[in-house]
Every structure is written in C-alpha cells, then in structure tokens.
Protein backbone atom coordinates (compact mmCIF):
# COMPACT_ATOMS: atom_id res chain seq x y z
CA MET A 1 122.82 78.67 145.30
CA SER A 2 122.85 81.52 147.74
CA GLY A 3 122.13 85.13 147.10
CA GLY A 4 123.24 88.66 147.76
CA SER A 5 123.93 90.12 151.14
CA PRO A 6 122.36 91.87 152.95
CA ALA A 7 118.86 90.42 152.76
CA PRO A 8 116.42 91.86 150.21
CA PRO A 9 114.79 95.12 151.36
CA GLY A 10 111.49 94.46 153.09
CA PRO A 11 109.83 91.12 153.82
CA LEU A 12 108.75 88.75 151.11
CA THR A 13 104.99 88.80 150.76
CA PRO A 14 102.47 86.92 148.63
CA PRO A 15 99.89 88.89 146.57
CA PRO A 16 96.34 89.63 147.70
CA ALA A 17 93.73 86.90 147.61
CA GLY A 18 90.81 87.16 145.25
CA PRO A 19 88.91 85.47 142.41
CA LEU A 20 91.07 83.45 140.04
CA VAL A 21 91.00 83.77 136.27
CA PHE A 22 92.11 81.09 133.82
CA PHE A 23 93.91 82.59 130.85
CA SER A 24 96.53 82.10 128.15
CA SER A 25 99.58 84.18 129.00
CA ARG A 26 101.60 86.21 126.48
CA ARG A 27 104.42 83.63 126.72
CA GLY A 28 102.07 80.83 125.78
CA ARG A 29 102.10 79.21 129.22
CA TRP A 30 98.81 78.61 130.97
CA THR A 31 98.64 80.04 134.43
CA ILE A 32 96.33 81.45 137.07
CA LEU A 33 96.05 84.96 138.48
CA GLY A 34 94.91 85.59 142.03
CA ALA A 35 95.53 84.11 145.43
CA MET A 36 99.29 83.54 145.03
CA GLY A 37 101.52 85.10 142.39
CA VAL A 38 103.75 82.07 141.92
CA GLY A 39 103.20 81.51 138.22
CA ILE A 40 102.24 78.10 136.92
CA ILE A 41 102.17 76.72 140.46
CA LEU A 42 98.76 78.28 140.83
CA ILE A 43 97.12 75.80 138.53
CA GLY A 44 97.38 73.59 141.60
CA ALA A 45 95.46 76.07 143.72
CA VAL A 46 92.40 76.34 141.51
CA LEU A 47 91.75 73.48 139.16
CA LEU A 48 90.97 70.95 141.84
CA ALA A 49 87.40 72.13 141.99
CA GLY A 50 86.41 69.96 139.06
CA ALA A 51 86.75 66.81 141.16
CA PRO A 52 84.02 65.39 143.42
CA SER A 53 84.05 66.50 147.05
CA SER A 54 84.80 62.97 148.25
CA LEU A 55 88.32 63.33 146.89
CA TRP A 56 89.21 65.86 149.56
CA SER A 57 88.45 63.72 152.61
CA SER A 58 91.73 61.81 152.89
CA ILE A 59 94.79 63.22 154.67
CA PRO A 60 97.81 61.03 153.74
CA GLY A 61 99.98 62.25 150.90
CA GLN A 62 101.73 60.86 147.84
CA SER A 63 104.95 61.80 146.08
CA PHE A 64 105.02 62.79 142.43
CA LEU A 65 106.05 59.67 140.48
CA PRO A 66 103.15 57.43 141.61
CA VAL A 67 100.78 60.33 140.95
CA GLU A 68 102.09 60.80 137.42
CA SER A 69 101.33 57.18 136.58
CA GLN A 70 97.85 57.39 138.10
CA SER A 71 96.85 60.57 136.29
CA ALA A 72 97.26 59.08 132.81
CA SER A 73 94.11 56.99 133.21
CA ALA A 74 91.99 60.14 133.57
CA LEU A 75 93.11 61.72 130.29
CA PRO A 76 91.24 61.48 126.98
CA THR A 77 92.83 59.53 124.15
CA GLY A 78 95.77 61.46 122.72
CA SER A 79 99.51 62.07 122.76
CA TRP A 80 99.63 63.97 126.03
CA GLU A 81 102.86 65.48 127.35
CA LEU A 82 103.26 66.62 130.95
CA THR A 83 104.26 70.30 131.24
CA ASN A 84 103.64 71.08 134.91
CA ALA A 85 102.80 69.35 138.18
CA ALA A 86 102.13 70.85 141.60
CA GLY A 87 101.62 69.24 144.99
CA ILE A 88 99.95 71.29 147.73
CA ALA A 89 100.11 70.62 151.46
CA ALA A 90 98.11 73.38 153.19
CA TRP A 91 98.28 73.69 157.00
CA ASN A 92 94.60 74.63 157.35
CA THR A 93 91.52 73.51 155.43
CA THR A 94 90.87 76.27 152.88
CA THR A 95 87.89 77.09 150.65
CA LEU A 96 88.80 78.97 147.50
CA ALA A 97 86.37 80.82 145.22
CA LEU A 98 86.99 80.23 141.51
CA ASN A 99 86.35 82.07 138.27
CA LEU A 100 87.55 79.69 135.55
CA THR A 101 87.29 81.49 132.22
CA ALA A 102 89.14 80.98 128.96
CA VAL A 103 89.96 84.57 128.05
CA SER A 104 91.00 83.71 124.49
CA LEU A 105 88.10 83.22 122.08
CA GLN A 106 90.25 80.70 120.21
CA CYS A 107 90.29 78.25 123.10
CA THR A 108 87.20 76.53 124.47
CA MET A 109 87.19 74.90 127.91
CA ASN A 110 85.17 71.74 128.52
CA PHE A 111 84.33 70.48 132.01
CA PRO A 112 83.39 66.83 132.66
CA GLY A 113 80.44 67.95 134.79
CA GLY A 114 79.18 70.34 132.13
CA ALA A 115 79.66 73.55 134.11
CA ALA A 116 82.72 75.26 135.53
CA PRO A 117 83.13 74.69 139.27
CA THR A 118 82.73 77.69 141.56
CA HIS A 119 84.95 76.77 144.50
CA ILE A 120 87.47 74.34 145.88
CA THR A 121 88.24 72.99 149.33
CA LEU A 122 91.86 72.15 150.12
CA PRO A 123 92.29 69.71 153.03
CA ALA A 124 94.53 70.38 156.01
CA TYR A 125 97.77 68.41 155.92
CA ARG A 126 99.83 67.85 159.07
CA GLY A 127 102.30 65.27 157.79
CA ASN A 128 106.07 65.34 157.33
CA LEU A 129 106.96 68.21 154.98
CA THR A 130 110.45 66.81 154.32
CA SER A 131 108.97 63.65 152.78
CA GLY A 132 107.97 65.26 149.48
CA VAL A 133 104.35 64.14 149.64
CA ALA A 134 101.10 66.09 149.41
CA PRO A 135 97.42 65.12 149.60
CA ILE A 136 96.59 66.97 146.38
CA TRP A 137 98.46 66.95 143.07
CA LEU A 138 97.57 68.89 139.92
CA LEU A 139 99.00 67.91 136.55
CA GLU A 140 98.90 69.92 133.34
CA TYR A 141 99.23 68.30 129.90
CA VAL A 142 99.45 69.41 126.30
CA ASP A 143 98.75 67.54 123.08
CA PRO A 144 99.65 69.72 120.07
CA SER A 145 96.79 68.21 118.10
CA ALA A 146 94.20 68.12 120.88
CA GLY A 147 94.84 71.13 123.12
CA MET A 148 95.24 71.05 126.87
CA ALA A 149 94.08 68.92 129.77
CA ALA A 150 94.39 69.10 133.53
CA ALA A 151 93.92 66.33 136.07
CA VAL A 152 93.93 65.99 139.85
CA VAL A 153 95.10 62.95 141.80
CA ASN A 154 94.18 62.37 145.43
CA GLU A 155 95.52 59.21 147.06
CA GLY A 156 95.44 57.18 143.87
CA SER A 157 92.13 58.56 142.58
CA PRO A 158 92.67 60.49 139.33
CA THR A 159 90.02 62.87 137.98
CA LEU A 160 89.96 64.85 134.74
CA LEU A 161 89.36 68.50 135.59
CA PHE A 162 88.96 70.00 132.13
CA THR A 163 90.09 69.93 128.54
CA ALA A 164 90.67 72.97 126.36
CA ALA A 165 90.75 72.98 122.57
CA GLY A 166 91.24 75.61 119.89
CA ALA A 167 93.91 77.49 117.97
CA ASP A 168 95.30 79.20 121.08
CA CYS A 169 95.39 76.12 123.31
CA PRO A 170 98.47 74.05 122.32
CA LEU A 171 100.97 76.88 122.86
CA VAL A 172 103.09 75.39 125.61
CA PRO A 173 105.31 73.11 123.46
CA THR A 174 106.82 76.16 121.74
CA ASN A 175 107.89 77.64 125.07
CA VAL A 176 108.81 74.70 127.28
CA THR A 177 109.85 71.10 126.85
CA ALA A 178 107.80 68.14 128.01
CA ILE A 179 108.73 66.85 131.47
CA PRO A 180 110.35 63.41 130.95
CA PRO A 181 109.41 60.37 133.06
CA THR A 182 113.02 60.17 134.26
CA VAL A 183 112.83 63.24 136.55
CA VAL A 184 113.68 62.69 140.19
CA ASP A 185 110.72 62.16 142.47
CA SER A 186 109.50 64.91 144.79
CA SER A 187 110.60 62.72 147.70
CA VAL A 188 114.20 62.81 146.43
CA ALA A 189 114.07 66.59 145.93
CA ALA A 190 112.55 67.07 149.40
CA GLN A 191 115.26 65.01 151.08
CA ALA A 192 117.99 66.93 149.27
CA LEU A 193 116.47 70.21 150.46
CA ALA A 194 116.05 68.82 153.98
CA VAL A 195 119.81 68.29 154.17
CA ALA A 196 120.37 71.74 152.65
CA GLY A 197 118.39 73.53 155.37
CA ALA A 198 114.68 72.75 155.08
CA ALA A 199 114.79 70.26 157.98
CA SER A 200 116.33 72.87 160.25
CA TYR A 201 113.76 75.43 159.12
CA LEU A 202 110.88 73.06 159.89
CA ALA A 203 112.40 72.12 163.24
CA ALA A 204 112.43 75.80 164.15
CA ASN A 205 108.87 76.23 162.76
CA PRO A 206 107.06 73.02 163.75
CA SER A 207 103.53 74.28 163.06
CA GLY A 208 101.65 76.56 160.70
CA ILE A 209 103.74 75.83 157.59
CA SER A 210 102.20 75.15 154.17
CA LEU A 211 104.14 73.73 151.21
CA ILE A 212 103.90 74.01 147.43
CA MET A 213 106.03 71.63 145.34
CA ASP A 214 106.08 72.79 141.74
CA LEU A 215 107.67 70.76 138.94
CA VAL A 216 108.52 73.28 136.22
CA ALA A 217 109.31 72.26 132.65
CA GLY A 218 112.65 73.16 131.09
CA LEU A 219 113.24 75.52 128.19
CA PRO A 220 113.83 74.24 124.63
CA ALA A 221 117.20 74.64 122.92
CA ALA A 222 116.01 77.73 121.04
CA LEU A 223 115.52 79.52 124.37
CA GLY A 224 118.79 78.39 125.92
CA GLY A 225 117.88 74.81 126.86
CA THR A 226 117.40 74.11 130.57
CA ASN A 227 116.45 71.10 132.65
CA PRO A 228 113.13 70.85 134.47
CA GLN A 229 113.35 71.86 138.10
CA TRP A 230 111.57 71.39 141.38
CA VAL A 231 110.62 74.62 143.15
CA PHE A 232 109.69 74.15 146.83
CA SER A 233 108.05 77.00 148.76
CA TYR A 234 107.45 76.69 152.52
CA THR A 235 105.24 79.53 153.82
CA PRO A 236 104.13 80.42 157.37
CA CYS A 237 100.87 82.08 156.27
CA THR A 238 97.51 80.40 156.91
CA GLY A 239 94.73 80.64 154.34
CA ILE A 240 97.41 81.27 151.73
CA PHE A 241 95.27 79.80 148.94
CA GLY A 242 92.02 81.44 150.03
CA GLY A 243 90.65 84.87 150.78
CA ASN A 244 91.64 85.16 154.45
CA VAL A 245 95.41 85.22 154.53
CA SER A 246 96.74 85.67 158.04
CA GLY A 247 99.85 85.10 160.09
CA PRO A 248 102.85 86.97 161.46
CA ALA A 249 104.00 90.25 159.96
CA ASN A 250 107.65 89.33 160.47
CA ALA A 251 108.30 85.67 159.85
CA THR A 252 110.57 83.45 157.79
CA ALA A 253 109.78 81.32 154.75
CA PHE A 254 112.04 78.79 153.04
CA SER A 255 112.63 78.48 149.32
CA GLY A 256 114.42 75.68 147.49
CA ILE A 257 115.19 74.78 143.87
CA VAL A 258 116.38 71.32 142.79
CA ASN A 259 117.53 70.23 139.35
CA ALA A 260 114.84 67.69 138.46
CA THR A 261 117.21 65.76 136.17
CA THR A 262 120.19 65.33 138.50
CA GLY A 263 118.64 65.90 141.93
CA ALA A 264 121.25 68.56 142.73
CA VAL A 265 120.21 71.45 144.95
CA LYS A 266 120.46 74.74 143.06
CA GLN A 267 119.14 77.00 145.82
CA ALA A 268 118.10 76.56 149.45
CA ARG A 269 117.57 79.51 151.73
CA PRO A 270 115.34 81.03 154.38
CA LEU A 271 113.77 84.35 153.45
CA PRO A 272 112.06 87.14 155.42
CA TYR A 273 108.32 86.83 154.94
CA SER A 274 105.16 88.69 155.89
CA CYS A 275 101.58 87.43 155.92
CA GLN A 276 100.09 90.92 156.31
CA ASN A 277 99.62 93.96 154.09
CA ILE A 278 100.09 91.74 151.06
CA PRO A 279 101.06 93.45 147.76
CA PRO A 280 101.34 91.83 144.31
CA SER A 281 104.53 89.93 143.48
CA PRO A 282 105.91 90.97 140.07
CA PRO A 283 108.10 88.71 137.95
CA LEU A 284 111.76 89.72 137.86
CA ALA A 285 111.62 90.18 134.08
CA SER A 286 109.01 92.93 134.52
CA VAL A 287 111.52 95.19 136.28
CA PHE A 288 114.92 94.04 135.02
CA ALA A 289 116.48 93.16 131.67
CA LEU A 290 119.99 92.48 130.39
CA GLY A 291 121.35 93.04 126.89
CA SER A 292 123.26 90.46 124.87
CA ALA A 293 126.40 89.08 126.46
CA GLY A 294 129.79 89.94 124.98
CA LEU A 295 133.04 88.04 125.63
CA VAL A 296 136.19 90.04 126.38
CA THR A 297 139.56 89.43 128.00
CA GLY A 298 140.72 91.28 131.08
CA ALA A 299 143.05 94.22 130.47
CA GLY A 300 146.37 94.92 132.11
CA THR A 301 148.59 92.69 134.21
CA ASN A 302 147.70 91.29 137.62
CA VAL A 303 144.61 93.51 137.95
CA SER A 304 141.94 91.82 140.06
CA LEU A 305 138.24 91.36 139.45
CA SER A 306 137.54 93.66 142.39
CA ILE A 307 139.36 96.53 140.64
CA GLN A 308 138.13 96.30 137.03
CA GLY A 309 135.36 93.65 137.03
CA CYS A 310 137.44 91.18 135.01
CA ARG A 311 140.77 89.76 136.11
CA SER A 312 143.71 90.47 133.79
CA GLY A 313 143.98 87.82 131.08
CA ASP A 314 140.71 86.07 132.01
CA TYR A 315 137.78 85.54 129.66
CA CYS A 316 134.82 87.53 130.93
CA TYR A 317 131.23 87.97 129.81
CA GLU A 318 129.85 91.48 130.09
CA LEU A 319 126.08 91.94 130.14
CA PRO A 320 124.69 95.50 130.07
CA VAL A 321 121.67 96.38 132.18
CA VAL A 322 119.28 97.80 129.58
CA PHE A 323 116.24 98.21 131.83
CA ALA A 324 115.71 98.50 135.58
CA SER A 325 112.73 99.93 137.46
CA GLY A 326 110.98 99.83 140.80
CA GLY A 327 114.22 100.12 142.74
CA VAL A 328 115.31 96.59 141.80
CA ASN A 329 118.84 96.02 143.12
CA PRO A 330 121.54 93.33 143.40
CA ALA A 331 120.16 92.11 146.75
CA ASP A 332 116.89 91.25 144.96
CA MET A 333 118.58 88.49 142.99
CA SER A 334 121.36 85.92 142.94
CA LEU A 335 123.61 84.82 140.09
CA GLU A 336 125.03 81.54 138.82
CA VAL A 337 126.27 80.07 135.54
CA THR A 338 125.04 76.66 134.38
CA PHE A 339 125.42 74.43 131.37
CA SER A 340 122.31 73.84 129.25
CA ASN A 341 121.51 70.70 131.26
CA GLY A 342 121.36 72.72 134.48
CA THR A 343 124.74 71.60 135.86
CA LEU A 344 126.63 74.33 137.69
CA GLU A 345 129.73 75.67 135.90
CA ALA A 346 132.16 75.35 138.81
CA GLY A 347 135.00 77.10 137.00
CA VAL A 348 133.54 80.59 137.31
CA VAL A 349 136.02 82.89 139.09
CA GLY A 350 133.43 85.41 140.20
CA TYR A 351 131.02 88.23 139.40
CA ALA A 352 131.14 92.00 139.44
CA ILE A 353 128.87 94.96 138.79
CA THR A 354 130.22 98.16 137.31
CA ASN A 355 128.56 101.52 136.65
CA GLY A 356 128.56 103.52 133.44
CA THR A 357 132.02 104.94 134.13
CA GLY A 358 133.56 101.53 134.80
CA GLN A 359 133.72 101.77 138.59
CA VAL A 360 133.30 98.42 140.35
CA LEU A 361 130.22 98.75 142.55
CA LEU A 362 130.16 95.18 143.88
CA TYR A 363 132.10 91.96 143.40
CA SER A 364 131.83 88.34 144.50
CA TYR A 365 134.27 85.44 144.16
CA GLY A 366 133.10 81.89 143.54
CA ALA A 367 130.98 79.85 141.12
CA THR A 368 127.76 81.14 142.70
CA GLU A 369 127.22 84.65 143.96
CA SER A 370 126.98 83.87 147.68
CA SER A 371 127.60 87.37 149.01
CA TRP A 372 128.55 90.72 147.58
CA SER A 373 131.66 92.60 148.65
CA THR A 374 131.29 96.35 148.34
CA GLY A 375 133.29 98.57 146.03
CA ALA A 376 131.82 101.93 145.09
CA GLY A 377 128.26 100.75 145.76
CA THR A 378 126.08 98.64 148.06
CA PRO A 379 123.88 95.57 147.39
CA THR A 380 120.71 97.62 147.97
CA GLN A 381 121.70 100.39 145.57
CA PRO A 382 119.20 100.24 142.67
CA TYR A 383 120.37 99.14 139.26
CA VAL A 384 120.28 101.76 136.51
CA ALA A 385 120.50 101.35 132.75
CA GLY A 386 124.18 101.54 131.89
CA ASP A 387 125.35 99.31 134.73
CA THR A 388 127.10 96.11 133.64
CA ILE A 389 127.19 92.63 135.14
CA TRP A 390 130.53 90.85 134.64
CA VAL A 391 131.08 87.10 134.78
CA ASP A 392 134.76 86.13 135.07
CA MET A 393 135.20 82.68 133.50
CA GLY A 394 138.93 82.30 134.17
CA PRO A 395 141.79 81.77 131.68
CA SER A 396 140.06 79.20 129.42
CA ASN A 397 137.89 80.31 126.50
CA PRO A 398 134.24 79.33 127.26
CA THR A 399 132.91 80.00 123.75
CA GLY A 400 130.43 77.40 122.55
CA LEU A 401 129.92 75.58 125.87
CA GLY A 402 126.20 76.38 125.88
CA LEU A 403 126.30 78.36 129.11
CA LEU A 404 123.50 80.34 130.74
CA LEU A 405 123.58 83.08 133.34
CA GLY A 406 120.70 82.41 135.73
CA VAL A 407 119.42 85.47 137.61
CA THR A 408 117.13 84.16 140.35
CA GLY A 409 114.77 86.57 142.09
CA LEU A 410 114.77 86.85 145.88
CA GLY A 411 112.36 88.43 148.32
CA LEU A 412 109.58 90.20 146.41
CA TYR A 413 110.71 88.53 143.19
CA SER A 414 110.96 84.96 144.50
CA ASN A 415 109.88 82.08 142.23
CA SER A 416 111.09 84.10 139.23
CA THR A 417 114.25 83.39 137.23
CA TYR A 418 115.74 85.37 134.35
CA TYR A 419 118.12 83.61 131.93
CA SER A 420 120.73 85.11 129.61
CA VAL A 421 122.61 83.08 127.00
CA LEU A 422 126.41 83.22 127.30
CA PRO A 423 127.66 82.50 123.75
C-alpha cells in the first residue's frame, strides 16, 4: 500500500533515548516507553537484560518460526498464548539502561535472578537484512489464569526474562487475538518486502542500517477482526536502542507491512528520516479520529468522484473527521479497505476528502490511496473537524462484508494504524 503525495512534511524521526519504564497501557497492551516510540516492538529493546551475558556473544541470526518453538521450553507451566514477537538486528553494539517497573499495583513482576536487570547489551549484526533473521528475539505471552511472561531466544538458547501476575496482568486477550502457529515466517515476509523495494533500499544503503521485525497480533472480532501482521522497520540511525542516537539529519528509512496470515505485502515504502533533533513520535489516534461510517449512494447522473466525492449511483461510505490536531493532514497517512482477514478489497473505486461545505479537497482512484489528486485543497492542508473521508465502493452494495478502513500513519506517525469499521 502506498501513501499520499507529496511526502509527509518534515523527516521521520524516532523519539529521544532515555530510561525505559515497563507499564500496563490504557488499552491493556503491555509496552515500553523510551528509546523508540514504536509501541509493542519496544519490548524487544528492553527485556533482553534478564538473560545471562553469554547469550549476546553470537552473531548469526534466526528467523521467527524456529525461535517460537525454542521459546516454549523456557516458559512456566501454563496455557501460554503468544501475543507479540520482535527480532532486532542492530548495526552497532548498543548498551541500554533499563528501569523495569510494574506501574500497576495489581501486577507483580518476578525475575528469575531475583532482581530486575539494570541494562542490556545488543550485539552488532552485519548479516543479510533481507533474510528475515536476527540475533535476538523477544517473545511476549499471556495466560489468562497466570498473567504474563516474556522470553528471549538467542541462537537456540531460550531464557525466561520475567513473569507478571495479578489482576491487571492478563489484559491482552481482551484487546488482541493470540498469534497462531500458522503465521508466515519472518524469512517469508522479508523476501516479499525485498521484492517490493527493501532489496533496492539496502543496495543503495549497504551499511549502517538496523532492522526491527515486529509480529503484531490481530484484533478480535469485537474490534473489527484483523489478521496478525509483520511490521519491518529499517533505520539508518546508529545507537537507535541506546542513549547516543546519531546519524545523518537527512536520510531515508524503509517501512514495510506484511499480512502474517497470507504473506501479502500491505505496505512497502522508503520514508524521509532524521537521526538528529529527535522529538517524540505520537500515535496517529492521538491526533486524529473518525466518526461512525455511513453508507450512501452517489447523487445525480454521471457525476464523478472528483466532483462530489462519490460517483453517481455508487455505494459510498462517508466518515466524518471528528477530531484533528497538531496539523495532521492527508499526507501523514494512507488509506485502504480490507476484509476482516486482512485481504485487500480490490473493488474500491477510490477515495475523496471533502470539507464542511461539500467541496472536494482531494481525490484518489484505485483500491489503495497511492497518490492524491488536488481539488480545492492540497495533501499537506491540515484536517479540521467537519471534513469527510469518502470511500467509493462501486455499484454493488457492500453491506455486511465485514470491511475495515485502514488509516496507516506515515512520517511522524509511522508504525501506527487507525481502523474504522465499514458496516
């Protein structure tokens, strides 16, 4: 899936480095704040410290599926379900200070060594980044009756990092679905992204690139129902997981998303990136929200999407923008419609954005919003409450197909996706 044009305003930048805090988020997902604002991926940047230092000496990498099998032997007895996995291939050896604290009083963390670790050392990896392997993998599990657990696997050596128990610990199953053993391997996802542009990106940037491969759980049916997905982030910054981030001010990163059930590439694109003057990276949902979708039919006869946002006679979803702040604009995100299993709905005619008076600001033809054509606005013109996003579904009634509008953040809002149900 490709996004708006022109490129998002300003270079994409990771957040400032600093101590990391372990906490239970308001959505019930466990995550880490600090060195990189990439959500649940960050469990992979901090929890490794519970393993012995000898685990960090080897350089070869492994793909996900062998690692998943190996990690099970490190878990306590229970009915554990995998909810997240992250592989990290850092260009430089990095030492990361930790502050692992369970903020909630209703969740107690237990460390195999008795005390919480204070730091972690990530090894340098100089292998093939299109192979889908990493020297370090972190896996996060939930057992509704036992709480949480996290494990690290390095070259076949699994280690339990911690367990967490208490009333606030087993929250993840209500917000995400367990990752099934049938997901495609990271090697398959990496090869698909290599064909889609990652190989060319790495050929043009043969050194200094670090990689995070994050396997994100899908949403349950009550929240729209989505497949798990692989999120790959190639970054040119060094020290990206530690306190001394450095690198070019004007560089290019590469981001890719792969449906972890089908292996289909959902997004693959280079992005402007800066390793200097690093601000926080907010989630898209913190600055942008859509109201409930309504289904209408296009008015008139032979009136195009570019004129009224919905072609005459077509079925179109209209989604009002109910909140927008921080100058967020259409170039900060890309749009696509999928079925609940993550498959692209190829029958979409196109998309449009109208203002409060019904003027078409922007429009785009095709199943994915690959570039905006200008009407009365521009892609970098900020959204305001009262704007409307239109999705033209064509002449067939899409009611009841279980569709979702995926709004994927770009630039500052990368690694963040907002979903709206299309009834």
